N, C-alpha and C. Protein backbone atom coordinates (compact mmCIF):
# COMPACT_ATOMS: atom_id res chain seq x y z
N MET A 1 -5.64 17.66 13.86
CA MET A 1 -5.52 17.00 12.57
C MET A 1 -6.40 15.76 12.57
N PRO A 2 -7.08 15.50 11.46
CA PRO A 2 -7.92 14.31 11.36
C PRO A 2 -7.13 13.09 10.87
N PHE A 3 -7.75 11.95 11.02
CA PHE A 3 -7.22 10.71 10.46
C PHE A 3 -7.86 10.47 9.10
N PHE A 4 -7.11 9.83 8.21
CA PHE A 4 -7.61 9.48 6.88
C PHE A 4 -7.30 8.01 6.59
N ARG A 5 -8.25 7.34 5.93
CA ARG A 5 -8.02 5.99 5.44
C ARG A 5 -7.66 6.13 3.97
N VAL A 6 -6.50 5.59 3.58
CA VAL A 6 -6.00 5.73 2.21
C VAL A 6 -5.82 4.35 1.59
N LEU A 7 -6.48 4.13 0.46
CA LEU A 7 -6.31 2.91 -0.32
C LEU A 7 -5.23 3.16 -1.35
N LEU A 8 -4.19 2.32 -1.33
CA LEU A 8 -3.07 2.47 -2.24
C LEU A 8 -3.02 1.30 -3.22
N GLU A 9 -2.55 1.59 -4.43
CA GLU A 9 -2.28 0.57 -5.41
C GLU A 9 -0.79 0.59 -5.71
N GLY A 10 -0.17 -0.58 -5.63
CA GLY A 10 1.24 -0.73 -5.95
C GLY A 10 1.40 -1.52 -7.23
N ASN A 11 2.20 -1.02 -8.15
CA ASN A 11 2.44 -1.69 -9.43
C ASN A 11 3.94 -1.78 -9.69
N GLY A 12 4.32 -2.70 -10.56
CA GLY A 12 5.71 -2.82 -10.97
C GLY A 12 6.42 -4.04 -10.43
N LEU A 13 5.70 -4.88 -9.67
CA LEU A 13 6.33 -6.09 -9.15
C LEU A 13 6.43 -7.16 -10.23
N ARG A 14 7.30 -8.13 -10.03
CA ARG A 14 7.44 -9.27 -10.94
C ARG A 14 7.75 -10.52 -10.12
N ILE A 15 6.85 -10.88 -9.23
CA ILE A 15 7.08 -11.99 -8.30
C ILE A 15 6.45 -13.25 -8.87
N ASP A 16 7.28 -14.25 -9.16
CA ASP A 16 6.77 -15.52 -9.67
C ASP A 16 6.05 -16.27 -8.57
N SER A 17 5.01 -17.02 -8.98
CA SER A 17 4.28 -17.84 -8.01
C SER A 17 4.90 -19.23 -7.97
N ALA A 18 4.61 -19.96 -6.90
CA ALA A 18 5.17 -21.29 -6.72
C ALA A 18 4.48 -22.33 -7.60
N ASP A 19 3.29 -22.03 -8.07
CA ASP A 19 2.57 -22.99 -8.91
C ASP A 19 2.44 -22.44 -10.32
N GLU A 20 1.41 -22.83 -11.02
CA GLU A 20 1.21 -22.42 -12.42
C GLU A 20 0.50 -21.07 -12.55
N ALA A 21 0.25 -20.42 -11.43
CA ALA A 21 -0.45 -19.13 -11.47
C ALA A 21 0.44 -18.06 -12.10
N PRO A 22 -0.17 -17.05 -12.70
CA PRO A 22 0.63 -15.96 -13.29
C PRO A 22 1.40 -15.20 -12.20
N PRO A 23 2.49 -14.55 -12.57
CA PRO A 23 3.28 -13.81 -11.59
C PRO A 23 2.50 -12.64 -10.98
N ILE A 24 2.90 -12.29 -9.78
CA ILE A 24 2.28 -11.15 -9.08
C ILE A 24 2.82 -9.87 -9.70
N ALA A 25 1.92 -8.96 -10.05
CA ALA A 25 2.30 -7.70 -10.68
C ALA A 25 2.12 -6.50 -9.76
N GLY A 26 1.28 -6.65 -8.74
CA GLY A 26 1.02 -5.51 -7.85
C GLY A 26 0.13 -5.88 -6.69
N PHE A 27 -0.33 -4.87 -5.98
CA PHE A 27 -1.16 -5.10 -4.80
C PHE A 27 -2.02 -3.89 -4.49
N PHE A 28 -2.99 -4.13 -3.62
CA PHE A 28 -3.77 -3.07 -2.98
C PHE A 28 -3.53 -3.17 -1.49
N THR A 29 -3.51 -2.06 -0.81
CA THR A 29 -3.37 -2.03 0.64
C THR A 29 -4.00 -0.75 1.18
N THR A 30 -4.41 -0.80 2.42
CA THR A 30 -5.01 0.36 3.07
C THR A 30 -4.19 0.74 4.29
N ARG A 31 -4.00 2.03 4.48
CA ARG A 31 -3.32 2.53 5.67
C ARG A 31 -4.12 3.70 6.23
N ILE A 32 -4.09 3.84 7.54
CA ILE A 32 -4.72 4.98 8.20
C ILE A 32 -3.60 5.89 8.70
N VAL A 33 -3.69 7.15 8.33
CA VAL A 33 -2.65 8.12 8.69
C VAL A 33 -3.29 9.37 9.27
N TRP A 34 -2.50 10.12 9.99
CA TRP A 34 -2.92 11.37 10.60
C TRP A 34 -2.33 12.49 9.76
N ALA A 35 -3.16 13.37 9.24
CA ALA A 35 -2.69 14.43 8.35
C ALA A 35 -3.65 15.62 8.39
N LYS A 36 -3.17 16.75 7.88
CA LYS A 36 -3.98 17.97 7.85
C LYS A 36 -5.01 17.96 6.73
N ALA A 37 -4.68 17.33 5.59
CA ALA A 37 -5.54 17.36 4.41
C ALA A 37 -5.40 16.06 3.64
N PRO A 38 -6.35 15.75 2.78
CA PRO A 38 -6.27 14.50 2.00
C PRO A 38 -4.97 14.36 1.20
N GLU A 39 -4.49 15.45 0.63
CA GLU A 39 -3.27 15.37 -0.18
C GLU A 39 -2.07 14.95 0.67
N SER A 40 -1.96 15.52 1.85
CA SER A 40 -0.84 15.15 2.72
C SER A 40 -1.04 13.75 3.30
N ALA A 41 -2.29 13.32 3.48
CA ALA A 41 -2.57 11.95 3.92
C ALA A 41 -2.13 10.95 2.86
N GLU A 42 -2.40 11.25 1.60
CA GLU A 42 -1.98 10.36 0.52
C GLU A 42 -0.46 10.24 0.49
N ARG A 43 0.24 11.35 0.61
CA ARG A 43 1.71 11.32 0.62
C ARG A 43 2.23 10.53 1.82
N ALA A 44 1.62 10.71 2.98
CA ALA A 44 2.05 10.01 4.18
C ALA A 44 1.85 8.50 4.04
N ALA A 45 0.71 8.10 3.51
CA ALA A 45 0.44 6.66 3.33
C ALA A 45 1.41 6.06 2.32
N ILE A 46 1.68 6.77 1.24
CA ILE A 46 2.64 6.29 0.24
C ILE A 46 4.01 6.14 0.88
N ASN A 47 4.42 7.10 1.72
CA ASN A 47 5.72 7.02 2.39
C ASN A 47 5.79 5.82 3.34
N VAL A 48 4.71 5.55 4.06
CA VAL A 48 4.68 4.41 4.99
C VAL A 48 4.87 3.10 4.24
N VAL A 49 4.13 2.90 3.16
CA VAL A 49 4.21 1.65 2.41
C VAL A 49 5.53 1.55 1.67
N ALA A 50 6.01 2.65 1.12
CA ALA A 50 7.32 2.63 0.44
C ALA A 50 8.41 2.23 1.42
N GLN A 51 8.34 2.72 2.65
CA GLN A 51 9.33 2.34 3.66
C GLN A 51 9.23 0.85 3.98
N GLU A 52 8.02 0.30 4.05
CA GLU A 52 7.86 -1.13 4.30
C GLU A 52 8.56 -1.94 3.21
N TRP A 53 8.43 -1.49 1.95
CA TRP A 53 9.00 -2.23 0.82
C TRP A 53 10.50 -2.00 0.67
N ARG A 54 11.09 -1.16 1.50
CA ARG A 54 12.55 -0.99 1.51
C ARG A 54 13.21 -1.91 2.53
N THR A 55 12.41 -2.65 3.30
CA THR A 55 12.93 -3.57 4.31
C THR A 55 12.53 -5.00 3.95
N GLU A 56 13.21 -5.94 4.57
CA GLU A 56 12.89 -7.36 4.35
C GLU A 56 11.59 -7.71 5.06
N PRO A 57 10.81 -8.63 4.53
CA PRO A 57 11.11 -9.52 3.42
C PRO A 57 10.76 -8.94 2.05
N TYR A 58 10.25 -7.73 2.02
CA TYR A 58 9.79 -7.16 0.75
C TYR A 58 10.92 -6.68 -0.15
N ALA A 59 11.96 -6.11 0.42
CA ALA A 59 13.02 -5.48 -0.38
C ALA A 59 13.70 -6.44 -1.35
N SER A 60 13.74 -7.71 -1.04
CA SER A 60 14.42 -8.68 -1.90
C SER A 60 13.52 -9.24 -3.00
N GLN A 61 12.27 -8.82 -3.04
CA GLN A 61 11.35 -9.33 -4.06
C GLN A 61 11.60 -8.65 -5.40
N PRO A 62 11.46 -9.41 -6.50
CA PRO A 62 11.66 -8.81 -7.83
C PRO A 62 10.70 -7.65 -8.08
N GLY A 63 11.23 -6.54 -8.47
CA GLY A 63 10.42 -5.36 -8.76
C GLY A 63 10.25 -4.42 -7.59
N ALA A 64 10.72 -4.81 -6.40
CA ALA A 64 10.54 -3.95 -5.23
C ALA A 64 11.19 -2.59 -5.43
N ASN A 65 12.31 -2.55 -6.13
CA ASN A 65 12.99 -1.27 -6.37
C ASN A 65 12.24 -0.38 -7.35
N SER A 66 11.44 -0.97 -8.21
CA SER A 66 10.71 -0.19 -9.21
C SER A 66 9.23 -0.04 -8.86
N LEU A 67 8.88 -0.34 -7.61
CA LEU A 67 7.49 -0.27 -7.17
C LEU A 67 6.94 1.16 -7.31
N ALA A 68 5.80 1.28 -7.96
CA ALA A 68 5.11 2.57 -8.10
C ALA A 68 3.85 2.54 -7.25
N LEU A 69 3.69 3.51 -6.37
CA LEU A 69 2.53 3.58 -5.48
C LEU A 69 1.66 4.77 -5.83
N VAL A 70 0.35 4.52 -5.87
CA VAL A 70 -0.62 5.56 -6.20
C VAL A 70 -1.79 5.45 -5.22
N ALA A 71 -2.25 6.57 -4.72
CA ALA A 71 -3.43 6.59 -3.86
C ALA A 71 -4.68 6.50 -4.73
N SER A 72 -5.50 5.48 -4.47
CA SER A 72 -6.74 5.29 -5.23
C SER A 72 -7.93 5.96 -4.56
N GLU A 73 -7.95 5.93 -3.23
CA GLU A 73 -9.05 6.53 -2.47
C GLU A 73 -8.48 7.13 -1.19
N CYS A 74 -9.12 8.18 -0.72
CA CYS A 74 -8.73 8.80 0.54
C CYS A 74 -9.98 9.39 1.17
N GLU A 75 -10.25 8.97 2.42
CA GLU A 75 -11.43 9.49 3.10
C GLU A 75 -11.14 9.69 4.58
N PRO A 76 -11.74 10.70 5.18
CA PRO A 76 -11.53 10.92 6.61
C PRO A 76 -12.23 9.82 7.41
N VAL A 77 -11.63 9.49 8.56
CA VAL A 77 -12.25 8.55 9.49
C VAL A 77 -12.26 9.20 10.87
N GLY A 78 -13.12 8.71 11.73
CA GLY A 78 -13.25 9.29 13.06
C GLY A 78 -12.01 9.09 13.93
N PHE A 79 -11.95 9.86 14.99
CA PHE A 79 -10.80 9.85 15.89
C PHE A 79 -10.56 8.47 16.49
N ILE A 80 -11.60 7.86 17.04
CA ILE A 80 -11.45 6.55 17.68
C ILE A 80 -11.03 5.50 16.65
N ARG A 81 -11.66 5.50 15.52
CA ARG A 81 -11.28 4.54 14.47
C ARG A 81 -9.84 4.77 14.02
N GLY A 82 -9.45 6.02 13.92
CA GLY A 82 -8.08 6.33 13.55
C GLY A 82 -7.06 5.82 14.55
N LEU A 83 -7.43 5.81 15.82
CA LEU A 83 -6.52 5.33 16.86
C LEU A 83 -6.45 3.81 16.94
N VAL A 84 -7.58 3.13 16.76
CA VAL A 84 -7.60 1.69 17.00
C VAL A 84 -7.54 0.84 15.74
N ASP A 85 -7.98 1.35 14.61
CA ASP A 85 -8.00 0.56 13.37
C ASP A 85 -6.65 0.69 12.68
N ARG A 86 -5.89 -0.36 12.62
CA ARG A 86 -4.56 -0.35 12.01
C ARG A 86 -4.48 -1.41 10.92
N PRO A 87 -5.04 -1.13 9.74
CA PRO A 87 -4.98 -2.13 8.67
C PRO A 87 -3.53 -2.38 8.25
N SER A 88 -3.27 -3.60 7.86
CA SER A 88 -1.95 -3.97 7.38
C SER A 88 -2.12 -5.08 6.35
N GLY A 89 -1.03 -5.48 5.74
CA GLY A 89 -1.10 -6.56 4.77
C GLY A 89 -1.37 -6.03 3.37
N PHE A 90 -1.40 -6.97 2.44
CA PHE A 90 -1.52 -6.62 1.03
C PHE A 90 -2.43 -7.63 0.34
N THR A 91 -3.19 -7.16 -0.64
CA THR A 91 -3.97 -8.02 -1.52
C THR A 91 -3.29 -7.96 -2.88
N PHE A 92 -2.64 -9.06 -3.26
CA PHE A 92 -1.84 -9.08 -4.48
C PHE A 92 -2.69 -9.44 -5.69
N PHE A 93 -2.28 -8.95 -6.86
CA PHE A 93 -2.95 -9.31 -8.11
C PHE A 93 -1.91 -9.61 -9.17
N SER A 94 -2.34 -10.37 -10.17
CA SER A 94 -1.44 -10.75 -11.25
C SER A 94 -1.59 -9.80 -12.42
N ALA A 95 -0.70 -9.90 -13.38
CA ALA A 95 -0.76 -9.06 -14.57
C ALA A 95 -1.92 -9.45 -15.45
N GLU A 96 -2.47 -10.63 -15.26
CA GLU A 96 -3.55 -11.14 -16.11
C GLU A 96 -4.92 -10.94 -15.49
N THR A 97 -5.13 -9.87 -14.71
CA THR A 97 -6.43 -9.63 -14.11
C THR A 97 -7.27 -8.73 -14.97
C-alpha cells in the first residue's frame, strides 16, 4: 500500500479570538496516511483529524461537535517520506477571509 498526503479543510467552528480579530471559522491541515487508493486515504485522514477533535483541548472548543471535514487534495508520496514526514497542527482562518 502506498502513502498519501491529504490536505483537509475543516469548517463549522465558532472560536472567538482574544483580541479584536474575527472569530475562527475553520482550518486547513495535512496528514499522511497509508491506504490502498486515494479515496480510502481521504477517509483515513478525515478519521484521524476527526478523532483529534474529539479529544481535549479541541473537543471543548465551540463548534467542535459540528466540525465538517473535507479532503481538498490527495496525492501519493514516496515510501521514505511517508515514514518520516508527519505533518501536524492546523492553519486557522476566520469567517471574513
